[in-house]
Amino acid sequence: MAVITIIAALASGCLIGLVLGLVGGGGSILAVPLLIYVVGVASPHAAIGTASVAVTANALASLVGHARAGRVKWRCAGVFALSGVAGAALGAELGKSIDGKRLLVFFGLLMIGVGLSMLRKRRALDVPDVRLTRDSAATLLPRLLPIGFGVGFAAGFFGIGGGFLIVPGLILATSMPLSYAVGTSLVIVTALGLTTATSYAASGFVDWTMTSLLIIGGVAGTLAGMSLGRLLSSRKGMLERAFASVVIAVGTYVTAASL
């Protein structure tokens, strides 16, 4: 592997981690474009497979801190994850069967849609003690199961962690506060990422050396992003809007370049 490629992979991982540390999610959606257009991975399928492994590892590492802080709703996460894994397995198989250029077009359109949704103002949250119990199951399960499957399908199809989809999905289904949704989403990101990564790895679409470089860069970027995020905590809304604008711009470029 050329030195310039190693540097590009480390820098890409660092950027992904920085975004995760700053805004609490969404960094994984940049992984595939970075691998293709910056690092130079030729195959879109290889980029998706490699990104999915790196995203899974980073999500698992981040989950530890949120779990220790008590910001994980485990039962809600378990139901969402089980439904999502089924969707991810189906999505990954379908994604591998589609031409790489066409897959990138769909990916670019997804990025534009996600970026636009991130610009929408979040509604107030008022159920911090929500729990999945026998009493609440009749209300929560009909929401968690279909939303989980849909998010999982998208995550598997595009090889993304899906945190930017899981967080609003959890809030829509349960009305849990954003801080709990972020922590809970990491359980699901790990499960979905592992499903997608296993599928792509079994088909030989994972560059393990590249994955290691992305993880190393991601750890450094996440630490820097968390530190910077604490300094800029009062401007979190501005950071999220700026990131949404970047996602829209990159999605537009990916779509246009693929067409």
Protein backbone atom coordinates (compact mmCIF):
# COMPACT_ATOMS: atom_id res chain seq x y z
CA MET A 1 0.00 0.00 0.00
CA ALA A 2 1.41 3.39 -1.01
CA VAL A 3 2.30 5.91 1.69
CA ILE A 4 -0.14 8.46 0.29
CA THR A 5 -2.93 5.87 0.50
CA ILE A 6 -2.09 5.11 4.14
CA ILE A 7 -2.13 8.82 4.99
CA ALA A 8 -5.45 9.30 3.16
CA ALA A 9 -7.01 6.35 5.03
CA LEU A 10 -5.84 7.61 8.42
CA ALA A 11 -7.04 11.14 7.62
CA SER A 12 -10.42 9.82 6.45
CA GLY A 13 -10.83 7.79 9.64
CA CYS A 14 -9.87 10.83 11.68
CA LEU A 15 -12.46 12.99 9.90
CA ILE A 16 -15.19 10.39 10.46
CA GLY A 17 -14.29 10.17 14.16
CA LEU A 18 -14.14 13.96 14.47
CA VAL A 19 -17.69 14.30 13.14
CA LEU A 20 -18.91 11.54 15.47
CA GLY A 21 -17.31 13.28 18.43
CA LEU A 22 -18.69 16.69 17.52
CA VAL A 23 -22.32 15.94 16.63
CA GLY A 24 -22.82 12.47 18.12
CA GLY A 25 -23.52 10.62 14.88
CA GLY A 26 -23.52 10.79 11.11
CA GLY A 27 -19.81 10.28 10.55
CA SER A 28 -20.34 6.88 9.00
CA ILE A 29 -22.28 8.30 6.06
CA LEU A 30 -19.08 10.02 4.93
CA ALA A 31 -17.04 6.80 5.06
CA VAL A 32 -18.01 5.40 1.64
CA PRO A 33 -17.46 8.67 -0.31
CA LEU A 34 -14.14 9.21 1.48
CA LEU A 35 -12.95 5.69 0.66
CA ILE A 36 -13.87 6.06 -3.00
CA TYR A 37 -12.95 9.66 -3.79
CA VAL A 38 -10.14 10.37 -1.29
CA VAL A 39 -8.51 7.03 -0.50
CA GLY A 40 -9.07 5.65 -4.00
CA VAL A 41 -10.90 2.38 -3.36
CA ALA A 42 -12.00 1.32 -6.84
CA SER A 43 -14.97 -0.91 -5.99
CA PRO A 44 -18.07 0.65 -4.38
CA HIS A 45 -18.87 -2.76 -2.88
CA ALA A 46 -15.39 -2.99 -1.31
CA ALA A 47 -15.80 0.55 0.05
CA ILE A 48 -19.15 -0.37 1.62
CA GLY A 49 -17.80 -3.60 3.13
CA THR A 50 -14.69 -1.95 4.54
CA ALA A 51 -16.65 1.00 5.93
CA SER A 52 -19.16 -1.30 7.64
CA VAL A 53 -16.45 -3.11 9.61
CA ALA A 54 -14.81 0.15 10.71
CA VAL A 55 -18.15 1.67 11.71
CA THR A 56 -19.01 -1.40 13.78
CA ALA A 57 -15.73 -1.26 15.68
CA ASN A 58 -16.07 2.47 16.40
CA ALA A 59 -19.70 2.10 17.53
CA LEU A 60 -18.81 -0.73 19.92
CA ALA A 61 -16.04 1.35 21.47
CA SER A 62 -18.36 4.35 21.92
CA LEU A 63 -21.11 2.18 23.40
CA VAL A 64 -18.99 1.39 26.46
CA GLY A 65 -18.95 5.01 27.63
CA HIS A 66 -22.69 5.53 27.10
CA ALA A 67 -23.54 2.27 28.88
CA ARG A 68 -21.46 3.26 31.90
CA ALA A 69 -23.32 6.59 32.00
CA GLY A 70 -26.68 4.78 31.99
CA ARG A 71 -27.83 6.26 28.68
CA VAL A 72 -28.90 2.97 27.03
CA LYS A 73 -32.49 1.66 26.92
CA TRP A 74 -31.52 -1.99 26.51
CA ARG A 75 -34.94 -3.56 25.85
CA CYS A 76 -35.89 -0.98 23.24
CA ALA A 77 -32.46 -1.43 21.69
CA GLY A 78 -32.86 -5.22 21.63
CA VAL A 79 -36.20 -5.19 19.80
CA PHE A 80 -35.07 -2.50 17.35
CA ALA A 81 -31.81 -4.37 16.73
CA LEU A 82 -33.46 -7.77 16.13
CA SER A 83 -35.84 -6.28 13.60
CA GLY A 84 -33.02 -4.22 12.11
CA VAL A 85 -30.71 -7.22 11.72
CA ALA A 86 -33.34 -8.95 9.57
CA GLY A 87 -33.62 -5.83 7.44
CA ALA A 88 -29.83 -5.40 7.25
CA ALA A 89 -29.29 -8.99 6.10
CA LEU A 90 -31.83 -8.52 3.30
CA GLY A 91 -30.49 -5.07 2.40
CA ALA A 92 -26.86 -6.26 2.23
CA GLU A 93 -27.70 -9.11 -0.11
CA LEU A 94 -29.71 -6.83 -2.38
CA GLY A 95 -27.01 -4.16 -2.33
CA LYS A 96 -24.32 -6.61 -3.46
CA SER A 97 -26.46 -7.62 -6.44
CA ILE A 98 -26.81 -4.07 -7.78
CA ASP A 99 -24.30 -2.46 -10.14
CA GLY A 100 -21.76 -0.34 -8.23
CA LYS A 101 -22.44 2.88 -10.16
CA ARG A 102 -26.19 2.59 -9.64
CA LEU A 103 -25.62 1.85 -5.95
CA LEU A 104 -23.65 5.09 -5.64
CA VAL A 105 -26.50 7.04 -7.23
CA PHE A 106 -28.88 5.67 -4.61
CA PHE A 107 -26.32 6.41 -1.89
CA GLY A 108 -25.93 10.02 -3.05
CA LEU A 109 -29.71 10.52 -3.05
CA LEU A 110 -29.90 9.05 0.46
CA MET A 111 -27.24 11.52 1.64
CA ILE A 112 -29.20 14.45 0.23
CA GLY A 113 -32.38 13.24 1.93
CA VAL A 114 -30.61 12.70 5.26
CA GLY A 115 -28.97 16.12 5.09
CA LEU A 116 -32.31 17.81 4.46
CA SER A 117 -33.92 15.91 7.34
CA MET A 118 -31.12 17.01 9.67
CA LEU A 119 -31.96 20.65 8.93
CA ARG A 120 -35.47 20.17 10.30
CA LYS A 121 -35.97 21.39 13.86
CA ARG A 122 -36.41 18.58 16.37
CA ARG A 123 -39.57 18.53 18.43
CA ALA A 124 -39.44 18.70 22.23
CA LEU A 125 -39.03 15.38 24.04
CA ASP A 126 -40.93 14.56 27.20
CA VAL A 127 -40.64 10.83 28.05
CA PRO A 128 -37.19 10.33 29.63
CA ASP A 129 -38.29 7.26 31.63
CA VAL A 130 -39.77 5.30 28.70
CA ARG A 131 -39.32 1.52 29.09
CA LEU A 132 -40.42 -1.53 27.13
CA THR A 133 -42.56 -3.54 29.55
CA ARG A 134 -45.65 -5.77 29.31
CA ASP A 135 -47.81 -2.71 29.78
CA SER A 136 -46.06 -0.57 27.15
CA ALA A 137 -45.40 -3.36 24.64
CA ALA A 138 -48.75 -2.93 22.88
CA THR A 139 -47.82 0.67 22.14
CA LEU A 140 -44.08 0.43 21.54
CA LEU A 141 -43.68 -2.84 19.59
CA PRO A 142 -45.86 -1.78 16.59
CA ARG A 143 -43.55 1.25 16.29
CA LEU A 144 -40.17 -0.30 17.05
CA LEU A 145 -40.45 -3.35 14.78
CA PRO A 146 -41.29 -1.73 11.39
CA ILE A 147 -39.03 1.27 11.95
CA GLY A 148 -36.21 -1.04 12.99
CA PHE A 149 -36.63 -3.19 9.88
CA GLY A 150 -36.67 -0.19 7.55
CA VAL A 151 -33.60 1.39 9.12
CA GLY A 152 -31.80 -1.96 9.11
CA PHE A 153 -32.56 -2.47 5.41
CA ALA A 154 -31.08 0.94 4.56
CA ALA A 155 -28.02 0.26 6.74
CA GLY A 156 -27.39 -3.10 5.08
CA PHE A 157 -28.08 -1.86 1.57
CA PHE A 158 -25.66 1.06 1.82
CA GLY A 159 -23.19 -0.41 4.33
CA ILE A 160 -23.63 2.41 6.84
CA GLY A 161 -23.94 2.40 10.60
CA GLY A 162 -27.26 4.19 10.30
CA GLY A 163 -26.98 6.21 13.50
CA PHE A 164 -28.40 9.25 11.74
CA LEU A 165 -31.48 7.14 10.88
CA ILE A 166 -31.66 5.11 14.10
CA VAL A 167 -31.66 8.12 16.45
CA PRO A 168 -34.72 9.82 14.89
CA GLY A 169 -36.31 6.38 14.48
CA LEU A 170 -35.98 5.66 18.21
CA ILE A 171 -37.31 9.11 19.09
CA LEU A 172 -40.27 8.65 16.75
CA ALA A 173 -41.07 5.21 18.20
CA THR A 174 -40.55 5.90 21.91
CA SER A 175 -40.21 9.69 22.49
CA MET A 176 -37.02 9.05 24.48
CA PRO A 177 -34.69 12.06 24.97
CA LEU A 178 -31.94 12.64 22.40
CA SER A 179 -29.15 11.72 24.83
CA TYR A 180 -30.74 8.31 25.46
CA ALA A 181 -31.47 7.82 21.76
CA VAL A 182 -27.80 8.40 20.90
CA GLY A 183 -26.61 5.90 23.53
CA THR A 184 -29.27 3.33 22.65
CA SER A 185 -28.54 3.70 18.92
CA LEU A 186 -24.98 2.47 19.41
CA VAL A 187 -26.29 -0.98 20.40
CA ILE A 188 -28.23 -1.08 17.16
CA VAL A 189 -25.41 0.37 15.04
CA THR A 190 -23.14 -2.37 16.35
CA ALA A 191 -25.67 -5.12 15.57
CA LEU A 192 -26.52 -3.79 12.09
CA GLY A 193 -22.90 -3.07 11.25
CA LEU A 194 -21.88 -6.58 12.28
CA THR A 195 -24.61 -8.07 10.08
CA THR A 196 -23.58 -6.00 7.05
CA ALA A 197 -19.88 -6.53 7.67
CA THR A 198 -20.30 -10.30 7.93
CA SER A 199 -22.24 -10.42 4.67
CA TYR A 200 -19.70 -8.33 2.75
CA ALA A 201 -16.70 -10.06 4.34
CA ALA A 202 -18.09 -13.46 3.32
CA SER A 203 -18.18 -12.19 -0.27
CA GLY A 204 -14.59 -10.88 -0.09
CA PHE A 205 -15.55 -7.20 -0.08
CA VAL A 206 -13.51 -6.12 2.99
CA ASP A 207 -9.99 -4.66 2.85
CA TRP A 208 -8.75 -5.52 6.34
CA THR A 209 -5.63 -3.37 6.18
CA MET A 210 -7.71 -0.37 5.15
CA THR A 211 -10.19 -1.16 7.92
CA SER A 212 -7.41 -1.08 10.53
CA LEU A 213 -6.22 2.31 9.31
CA LEU A 214 -9.76 3.72 9.43
CA ILE A 215 -10.22 2.48 13.01
CA ILE A 216 -6.89 3.94 14.15
CA GLY A 217 -7.70 7.28 12.56
CA GLY A 218 -11.25 7.11 13.91
CA VAL A 219 -10.10 6.70 17.52
CA ALA A 220 -7.89 9.77 17.28
CA GLY A 221 -10.62 11.78 15.56
CA THR A 222 -13.29 10.77 18.08
CA LEU A 223 -11.14 11.85 21.04
CA ALA A 224 -10.43 15.18 19.37
CA GLY A 225 -14.08 15.64 18.41
CA MET A 226 -15.34 14.94 21.92
CA SER A 227 -12.89 17.47 23.38
CA LEU A 228 -13.81 20.08 20.78
CA GLY A 229 -17.49 19.27 21.23
CA ARG A 230 -17.30 20.10 24.94
CA LEU A 231 -15.76 23.48 24.08
CA LEU A 232 -18.44 24.17 21.46
CA SER A 233 -21.38 22.62 23.35
CA SER A 234 -23.32 25.88 23.22
CA ARG A 235 -23.11 25.83 19.43
CA LYS A 236 -24.16 22.23 18.86
CA GLY A 237 -27.10 23.29 16.69
CA MET A 238 -24.81 25.29 14.42
CA LEU A 239 -22.42 22.32 14.12
CA GLU A 240 -25.26 19.98 13.18
CA ARG A 241 -26.53 22.41 10.52
CA ALA A 242 -23.04 22.79 9.11
CA PHE A 243 -22.60 19.02 8.98
CA ALA A 244 -26.01 18.64 7.30
CA SER A 245 -24.88 21.11 4.62
CA VAL A 246 -21.72 19.08 4.05
CA VAL A 247 -23.74 15.86 3.74
CA ILE A 248 -26.04 17.48 1.16
CA ALA A 249 -23.07 18.82 -0.83
CA VAL A 250 -21.24 15.48 -0.82
CA GLY A 251 -24.44 13.62 -1.71
CA THR A 252 -25.00 15.95 -4.66
CA TYR A 253 -21.43 15.37 -5.86
CA VAL A 254 -21.68 11.58 -5.49
CA THR A 255 -24.96 11.50 -7.41
CA ALA A 256 -23.70 13.76 -10.20
CA ALA A 257 -20.38 11.93 -10.53
CA SER A 258 -22.09 8.53 -10.64
CA LEU A 259 -24.54 9.67 -13.29
